[in-house]
């Protein structure tokens, strides 16, 4: 498919087009956080976790590793 996410990452497959369950912003596996089987954009994840300015985990896919 070759689409590009708003973060700049290439999204090769349709199932990688994700959306934040809180605000509806489009995101991809590179820029989203997965918390309890739901995807969140970085802004909503920071608010939900009450960690403003929290760094993204280096492995990328799960913010659960932060806790």
N, C-alpha and C. Protein backbone atom coordinates (compact mmCIF):
# COMPACT_ATOMS: atom_id res chain seq x y z
N UNK A 1 0.82 -1.19 0.00
CA UNK A 1 0.00 0.00 0.00
C UNK A 1 0.86 1.26 0.00
N UNK A 2 1.87 1.34 0.84
CA UNK A 2 2.79 2.45 0.80
C UNK A 2 2.27 3.78 1.31
N UNK A 3 1.23 3.79 2.13
CA UNK A 3 0.72 5.04 2.69
C UNK A 3 1.68 5.55 3.75
N UNK A 4 1.51 6.82 4.12
CA UNK A 4 2.38 7.40 5.13
C UNK A 4 1.54 7.93 6.30
N UNK A 5 1.96 7.63 7.51
CA UNK A 5 1.29 8.09 8.72
C UNK A 5 1.63 9.56 8.95
N UNK A 6 0.87 10.22 9.80
CA UNK A 6 1.15 11.62 10.11
C UNK A 6 2.48 11.81 10.83
N UNK A 7 3.02 10.72 11.43
CA UNK A 7 4.33 10.80 12.10
C UNK A 7 5.47 10.69 11.10
N UNK A 8 5.16 10.30 9.86
CA UNK A 8 6.17 10.18 8.83
C UNK A 8 6.56 8.75 8.51
N UNK A 9 6.12 7.80 9.31
CA UNK A 9 6.44 6.39 9.07
C UNK A 9 5.62 5.84 7.92
N UNK A 10 6.23 4.93 7.16
CA UNK A 10 5.50 4.26 6.09
C UNK A 10 4.60 3.20 6.70
N UNK A 11 3.36 3.16 6.24
CA UNK A 11 2.40 2.15 6.69
C UNK A 11 2.14 1.24 5.50
N UNK A 12 2.71 0.05 5.56
CA UNK A 12 2.67 -0.85 4.42
C UNK A 12 1.38 -1.63 4.29
N UNK A 13 0.71 -1.92 5.40
CA UNK A 13 -0.47 -2.77 5.36
C UNK A 13 -1.67 -2.06 5.97
N UNK A 14 -2.86 -2.35 5.46
CA UNK A 14 -4.08 -1.69 5.94
C UNK A 14 -4.33 -1.94 7.43
N UNK A 15 -3.98 -3.12 7.92
CA UNK A 15 -4.23 -3.41 9.34
C UNK A 15 -3.31 -2.62 10.27
N UNK A 16 -2.29 -1.95 9.74
CA UNK A 16 -1.41 -1.10 10.55
C UNK A 16 -1.93 0.33 10.65
N UNK A 17 -3.01 0.66 9.94
CA UNK A 17 -3.64 1.98 10.08
C UNK A 17 -4.48 1.94 11.35
N UNK A 18 -3.98 2.55 12.40
CA UNK A 18 -4.65 2.52 13.70
C UNK A 18 -5.27 3.87 13.99
N UNK A 19 -6.10 3.91 15.00
CA UNK A 19 -6.70 5.16 15.45
C UNK A 19 -6.77 5.20 16.96
N UNK A 20 -6.59 6.38 17.50
CA UNK A 20 -6.68 6.55 18.95
C UNK A 20 -8.12 6.36 19.38
N UNK A 21 -8.34 5.51 20.36
CA UNK A 21 -9.68 5.22 20.85
C UNK A 21 -10.27 6.41 21.61
N UNK A 22 -9.40 7.29 22.09
CA UNK A 22 -9.85 8.44 22.88
C UNK A 22 -10.25 9.63 21.99
N UNK A 23 -9.34 10.05 21.10
CA UNK A 23 -9.60 11.26 20.29
C UNK A 23 -9.84 10.99 18.81
N UNK A 24 -9.56 9.77 18.36
CA UNK A 24 -9.79 9.41 16.98
C UNK A 24 -8.66 9.76 16.02
N UNK A 25 -7.56 10.28 16.54
CA UNK A 25 -6.42 10.64 15.69
C UNK A 25 -5.85 9.39 15.03
N UNK A 26 -5.47 9.52 13.77
CA UNK A 26 -4.85 8.41 13.06
C UNK A 26 -3.43 8.20 13.55
N UNK A 27 -3.04 6.95 13.69
CA UNK A 27 -1.68 6.64 14.11
C UNK A 27 -1.29 5.28 13.55
N UNK A 28 -0.04 4.92 13.73
CA UNK A 28 0.48 3.65 13.25
C UNK A 28 1.21 2.96 14.39
N UNK A 29 1.68 1.73 14.20
CA UNK A 29 2.39 1.05 15.29
C UNK A 29 3.62 1.80 15.80
N UNK A 30 4.23 2.63 14.96
CA UNK A 30 5.42 3.37 15.38
C UNK A 30 5.11 4.53 16.32
N UNK A 31 3.92 5.11 16.23
CA UNK A 31 3.63 6.31 17.03
C UNK A 31 2.47 6.12 18.00
N UNK A 32 1.95 4.91 18.11
CA UNK A 32 0.83 4.68 19.03
C UNK A 32 1.28 3.90 20.25
N UNK A 33 0.48 3.98 21.28
CA UNK A 33 0.70 3.20 22.50
C UNK A 33 -0.46 2.22 22.62
N UNK A 34 -0.16 1.00 22.98
CA UNK A 34 -1.21 0.01 23.18
C UNK A 34 -1.34 -0.22 24.68
N UNK A 35 -2.50 0.12 25.20
CA UNK A 35 -2.79 -0.05 26.62
C UNK A 35 -4.05 -0.89 26.75
N UNK A 36 -3.92 -2.04 27.37
CA UNK A 36 -5.05 -2.94 27.57
C UNK A 36 -5.86 -3.18 26.29
N UNK A 37 -5.19 -3.55 25.24
CA UNK A 37 -5.78 -3.90 23.95
C UNK A 37 -6.41 -2.73 23.19
N UNK A 38 -6.13 -1.51 23.59
CA UNK A 38 -6.64 -0.34 22.88
C UNK A 38 -5.45 0.53 22.48
N UNK A 39 -5.57 1.19 21.32
CA UNK A 39 -4.50 2.06 20.84
C UNK A 39 -4.81 3.51 21.18
N UNK A 40 -3.77 4.23 21.59
CA UNK A 40 -3.87 5.64 21.93
C UNK A 40 -2.75 6.41 21.24
N UNK A 41 -3.04 7.65 20.85
CA UNK A 41 -1.98 8.52 20.34
C UNK A 41 -1.12 8.93 21.52
N UNK A 42 0.04 9.52 21.26
CA UNK A 42 0.95 9.88 22.35
C UNK A 42 0.34 10.88 23.32
N UNK A 43 -0.43 11.84 22.83
CA UNK A 43 -1.04 12.85 23.71
C UNK A 43 -2.05 12.22 24.67
N UNK A 44 -2.91 11.37 24.17
CA UNK A 44 -3.92 10.73 25.02
C UNK A 44 -3.29 9.74 25.98
N UNK A 45 -2.25 9.02 25.54
CA UNK A 45 -1.57 8.07 26.42
C UNK A 45 -0.90 8.81 27.57
N UNK A 46 -0.26 9.94 27.29
CA UNK A 46 0.38 10.73 28.34
C UNK A 46 -0.65 11.22 29.35
N UNK A 47 -1.80 11.66 28.86
CA UNK A 47 -2.86 12.13 29.75
C UNK A 47 -3.42 10.98 30.58
N UNK A 48 -3.68 9.86 29.94
CA UNK A 48 -4.24 8.70 30.62
C UNK A 48 -3.29 8.18 31.71
N UNK A 49 -2.01 8.15 31.40
CA UNK A 49 -1.02 7.65 32.34
C UNK A 49 -0.54 8.74 33.32
N UNK A 50 -1.03 9.95 33.12
CA UNK A 50 -0.63 11.10 33.93
C UNK A 50 0.89 11.28 33.93
N UNK A 51 1.47 11.15 32.74
CA UNK A 51 2.91 11.30 32.55
C UNK A 51 3.20 12.31 31.44
N UNK A 52 2.90 13.58 31.63
CA UNK A 52 3.15 14.54 30.55
C UNK A 52 4.62 14.54 30.15
N UNK A 53 4.84 14.48 28.85
CA UNK A 53 6.20 14.49 28.32
C UNK A 53 6.92 13.16 28.43
N UNK A 54 6.18 12.09 28.70
CA UNK A 54 6.81 10.77 28.86
C UNK A 54 7.46 10.35 27.55
N UNK A 55 8.61 9.73 27.66
CA UNK A 55 9.33 9.26 26.47
C UNK A 55 8.69 7.98 25.96
N UNK A 56 8.71 7.81 24.65
CA UNK A 56 8.19 6.60 24.03
C UNK A 56 9.16 5.45 24.29
N UNK A 57 8.65 4.27 24.64
CA UNK A 57 9.53 3.12 24.83
C UNK A 57 10.32 2.84 23.56
N UNK A 58 11.56 2.46 23.68
CA UNK A 58 12.40 2.26 22.51
C UNK A 58 11.92 1.13 21.62
N UNK A 59 11.30 0.10 22.17
CA UNK A 59 10.80 -0.99 21.35
C UNK A 59 9.50 -0.62 20.66
N UNK A 60 8.82 0.41 21.14
CA UNK A 60 7.74 0.99 20.39
C UNK A 60 6.34 0.51 20.60
N UNK A 61 6.05 -0.70 20.81
CA UNK A 61 4.67 -1.15 20.71
C UNK A 61 3.84 -1.13 21.98
N UNK A 62 4.41 -1.04 23.15
CA UNK A 62 3.59 -1.16 24.34
C UNK A 62 4.03 -0.22 25.44
N UNK A 63 3.13 0.63 25.86
CA UNK A 63 3.40 1.54 26.98
C UNK A 63 3.25 0.82 28.31
N UNK A 64 2.70 -0.37 28.29
CA UNK A 64 2.53 -1.15 29.52
C UNK A 64 3.87 -1.44 30.17
N UNK A 65 4.94 -1.43 29.36
CA UNK A 65 6.27 -1.68 29.92
C UNK A 65 6.74 -0.54 30.80
N UNK A 66 6.11 0.62 30.71
CA UNK A 66 6.47 1.76 31.53
C UNK A 66 6.05 1.59 32.98
N UNK A 67 5.02 0.80 33.21
CA UNK A 67 4.49 0.65 34.56
C UNK A 67 5.13 -0.49 35.28
